């Protein structure tokens, strides 16, 4: 397992390969589709984002409310494809990582390759486990979105897998190809 500490830089990104298992520690920002839409609207208006995306990692999650004595509730990843319309612009602005689940579009993969970013997969259905890695959280923007508000969270040893690396290798697509039956005609 590789251990990563955020923020990420180009040297770290270049070392990661699709299939690498990693533990991520440091600050992450949470955002789902409603928050992404608002961030893009801010960019289009020339207004500042709620946080500087350069070198940062966004975790696609809308955590459940915390139970008494807990920092946060269940915090499993959401489907990343819902952010595909917005991700390329954020990657262009310096976003170095995204954490979620599921396939990404060709446009996201191309932005990852062009601007030097990485897509990590977190295990769906493991929200309770992942929440134990979150040590602090605070809402920093769009509180009216409830669970989809942007949060600044601090994580310790959050388990992820590199799904798409800076060279565009995609673990999901390559894995599927290994097991497809090829006609021999």
Protein backbone atom coordinates (compact mmCIF):
# COMPACT_ATOMS: atom_id res chain seq x y z
CA UNK A 1 0.00 0.00 0.00
CA UNK A 2 1.21 3.45 -0.88
CA UNK A 3 0.60 6.23 1.62
CA UNK A 4 -0.41 9.61 0.25
CA UNK A 5 -0.75 12.90 2.07
CA UNK A 6 -2.76 15.72 0.54
CA UNK A 7 -2.35 18.11 -1.14
CA UNK A 8 -1.03 16.11 -4.10
CA UNK A 9 1.59 17.34 -6.55
CA UNK A 10 2.70 16.31 -10.02
CA UNK A 11 5.55 14.11 -8.74
CA UNK A 12 3.16 12.04 -6.63
CA UNK A 13 0.58 11.86 -9.43
CA UNK A 14 3.16 10.56 -11.94
CA UNK A 15 4.16 7.71 -9.59
CA UNK A 16 0.62 6.34 -9.27
CA UNK A 17 -0.50 3.55 -11.59
CA UNK A 18 -3.98 2.16 -12.23
CA UNK A 19 -4.49 -0.66 -9.74
CA UNK A 20 -2.28 0.80 -6.99
CA UNK A 21 -3.80 0.48 -3.54
CA UNK A 22 -3.34 3.62 -1.45
CA UNK A 23 -4.11 5.09 1.94
CA UNK A 24 -4.93 8.79 1.77
CA UNK A 25 -4.41 11.12 4.72
CA UNK A 26 -4.85 14.88 4.99
CA UNK A 27 -7.54 17.29 3.84
CA UNK A 28 -10.21 16.34 1.30
CA UNK A 29 -13.19 18.34 0.11
CA UNK A 30 -16.60 16.76 -0.34
CA UNK A 31 -18.84 17.71 -3.23
CA UNK A 32 -21.56 16.07 -5.26
CA UNK A 33 -23.36 17.17 -8.42
CA UNK A 34 -25.35 20.10 -6.97
CA UNK A 35 -22.19 21.59 -5.43
CA UNK A 36 -20.22 20.99 -8.64
CA UNK A 37 -22.88 22.81 -10.64
CA UNK A 38 -22.61 25.80 -8.30
CA UNK A 39 -18.82 25.81 -8.48
CA UNK A 40 -18.93 25.91 -12.28
CA UNK A 41 -21.46 28.75 -12.12
CA UNK A 42 -19.04 30.67 -9.86
CA UNK A 43 -16.21 30.09 -12.34
CA UNK A 44 -18.40 31.29 -15.23
CA UNK A 45 -19.23 34.48 -13.29
CA UNK A 46 -15.54 35.07 -12.51
CA UNK A 47 -16.14 34.62 -8.78
CA UNK A 48 -13.82 32.70 -6.44
CA UNK A 49 -14.49 29.09 -5.52
CA UNK A 50 -15.15 28.16 -1.87
CA UNK A 51 -11.65 26.62 -1.77
CA UNK A 52 -8.58 26.70 -3.99
CA UNK A 53 -8.74 23.45 -6.01
CA UNK A 54 -5.01 23.44 -6.87
CA UNK A 55 -3.46 20.23 -5.58
CA UNK A 56 -6.67 19.19 -3.82
CA UNK A 57 -8.77 16.03 -3.87
CA UNK A 58 -12.57 16.03 -4.02
CA UNK A 59 -14.42 13.10 -2.49
CA UNK A 60 -17.80 12.51 -4.13
CA UNK A 61 -19.88 11.92 -1.02
CA UNK A 62 -22.96 13.23 0.74
CA UNK A 63 -22.36 11.96 4.27
CA UNK A 64 -25.15 11.00 6.62
CA UNK A 65 -25.63 13.04 9.80
CA UNK A 66 -23.31 12.07 12.63
CA UNK A 67 -24.61 10.03 15.51
CA UNK A 68 -23.90 11.33 18.98
CA UNK A 69 -20.20 11.17 19.75
CA UNK A 70 -19.18 10.67 16.09
CA UNK A 71 -17.47 13.13 13.75
CA UNK A 72 -19.61 12.20 10.76
CA UNK A 73 -22.16 9.62 9.67
CA UNK A 74 -21.78 6.97 7.01
CA UNK A 75 -19.67 8.42 4.18
CA UNK A 76 -19.65 6.05 1.23
CA UNK A 77 -18.77 7.21 -2.29
CA UNK A 78 -21.41 8.27 -4.80
CA UNK A 79 -21.45 7.54 -8.51
CA UNK A 80 -18.77 9.68 -10.14
CA UNK A 81 -20.37 9.93 -13.57
CA UNK A 82 -22.77 12.56 -12.25
CA UNK A 83 -19.79 14.93 -11.92
CA UNK A 84 -18.39 14.25 -15.41
CA UNK A 85 -19.89 17.42 -16.92
CA UNK A 86 -18.04 19.52 -14.33
CA UNK A 87 -14.82 17.64 -13.55
CA UNK A 88 -12.74 18.60 -16.64
CA UNK A 89 -12.92 22.33 -15.79
CA UNK A 90 -11.89 21.70 -12.17
CA UNK A 91 -9.04 19.45 -13.32
CA UNK A 92 -7.91 22.21 -15.70
CA UNK A 93 -7.84 24.59 -12.71
CA UNK A 94 -5.49 22.26 -10.79
CA UNK A 95 -7.64 19.62 -9.09
CA UNK A 96 -5.28 16.67 -8.59
CA UNK A 97 -7.63 13.93 -7.46
CA UNK A 98 -11.20 12.71 -7.29
CA UNK A 99 -12.59 9.86 -5.20
CA UNK A 100 -15.81 8.08 -6.06
CA UNK A 101 -17.15 4.95 -7.65
CA UNK A 102 -17.97 3.95 -11.20
CA UNK A 103 -16.79 4.68 -14.72
CA UNK A 104 -15.74 8.12 -15.94
CA UNK A 105 -16.35 9.68 -19.34
CA UNK A 106 -13.79 10.00 -22.09
CA UNK A 107 -13.71 13.78 -21.44
CA UNK A 108 -12.70 13.23 -17.80
CA UNK A 109 -10.01 10.71 -18.78
CA UNK A 110 -8.63 13.14 -21.37
CA UNK A 111 -8.54 15.97 -18.79
CA UNK A 112 -6.75 13.65 -16.33
CA UNK A 113 -4.08 12.94 -18.95
CA UNK A 114 -3.77 16.53 -20.21
CA UNK A 115 -3.59 18.31 -16.85
CA UNK A 116 -2.13 15.61 -14.57
CA UNK A 117 -4.75 14.28 -12.20
CA UNK A 118 -5.91 10.91 -10.86
CA UNK A 119 -9.21 9.19 -10.17
CA UNK A 120 -9.41 7.01 -7.08
CA UNK A 121 -12.09 4.45 -6.37
CA UNK A 122 -13.48 3.97 -2.88
CA UNK A 123 -15.47 0.91 -1.93
CA UNK A 124 -19.20 1.38 -2.34
CA UNK A 125 -21.19 -0.03 0.56
CA UNK A 126 -18.34 0.65 2.99
CA UNK A 127 -19.59 4.03 4.22
CA UNK A 128 -19.35 3.11 7.90
CA UNK A 129 -15.74 1.95 7.47
CA UNK A 130 -14.79 5.06 5.51
CA UNK A 131 -16.41 7.35 8.09
CA UNK A 132 -14.03 5.92 10.71
CA UNK A 133 -11.15 7.41 8.67
CA UNK A 134 -12.65 10.91 8.91
CA UNK A 135 -11.23 12.73 11.92
CA UNK A 136 -12.66 16.25 11.41
CA UNK A 137 -15.30 17.89 9.23
CA UNK A 138 -16.73 21.32 8.68
CA UNK A 139 -19.14 22.76 6.13
CA UNK A 140 -17.39 25.48 4.12
CA UNK A 141 -19.95 26.28 1.40
CA UNK A 142 -23.50 25.78 0.15
CA UNK A 143 -24.93 24.79 3.55
CA UNK A 144 -28.43 24.97 2.03
CA UNK A 145 -27.60 21.79 0.09
CA UNK A 146 -27.69 19.74 3.30
CA UNK A 147 -25.69 16.54 2.90
CA UNK A 148 -24.44 17.82 -0.47
CA UNK A 149 -22.84 20.95 1.03
CA UNK A 150 -19.11 21.30 0.48
CA UNK A 151 -17.19 20.07 3.49
CA UNK A 152 -13.55 20.23 4.43
CA UNK A 153 -12.72 16.88 5.98
CA UNK A 154 -9.54 15.53 7.47
CA UNK A 155 -8.92 11.85 6.83
CA UNK A 156 -6.43 9.35 8.12
CA UNK A 157 -5.54 6.28 6.08
CA UNK A 158 -8.61 6.28 3.86
CA UNK A 159 -8.32 3.18 1.65
CA UNK A 160 -8.66 3.76 -2.11
CA UNK A 161 -7.54 2.22 -5.39
CA UNK A 162 -6.14 4.18 -8.32
CA UNK A 163 -8.70 3.67 -11.09
CA UNK A 164 -7.48 6.13 -13.76
CA UNK A 165 -3.85 7.23 -13.69
CA UNK A 166 -2.18 10.23 -15.32
CA UNK A 167 -1.46 8.20 -18.46
CA UNK A 168 -5.15 7.39 -18.89
CA UNK A 169 -4.93 3.74 -17.92
CA UNK A 170 -8.36 2.80 -16.59
CA UNK A 171 -8.54 -0.16 -14.21
CA UNK A 172 -12.27 -0.65 -14.81
CA UNK A 173 -11.98 -0.75 -18.60
CA UNK A 174 -8.77 -2.82 -18.67
CA UNK A 175 -10.17 -5.26 -16.12
CA UNK A 176 -13.31 -5.80 -18.16
CA UNK A 177 -11.27 -6.45 -21.33
CA UNK A 178 -9.34 -9.25 -19.61
CA UNK A 179 -12.49 -11.27 -19.15
CA UNK A 180 -14.33 -10.63 -22.40
CA UNK A 181 -14.63 -13.65 -24.65
CA UNK A 182 -13.15 -13.01 -28.05
CA UNK A 183 -14.64 -14.69 -31.12
CA UNK A 184 -12.14 -16.77 -33.05
CA UNK A 185 -13.37 -16.70 -36.64
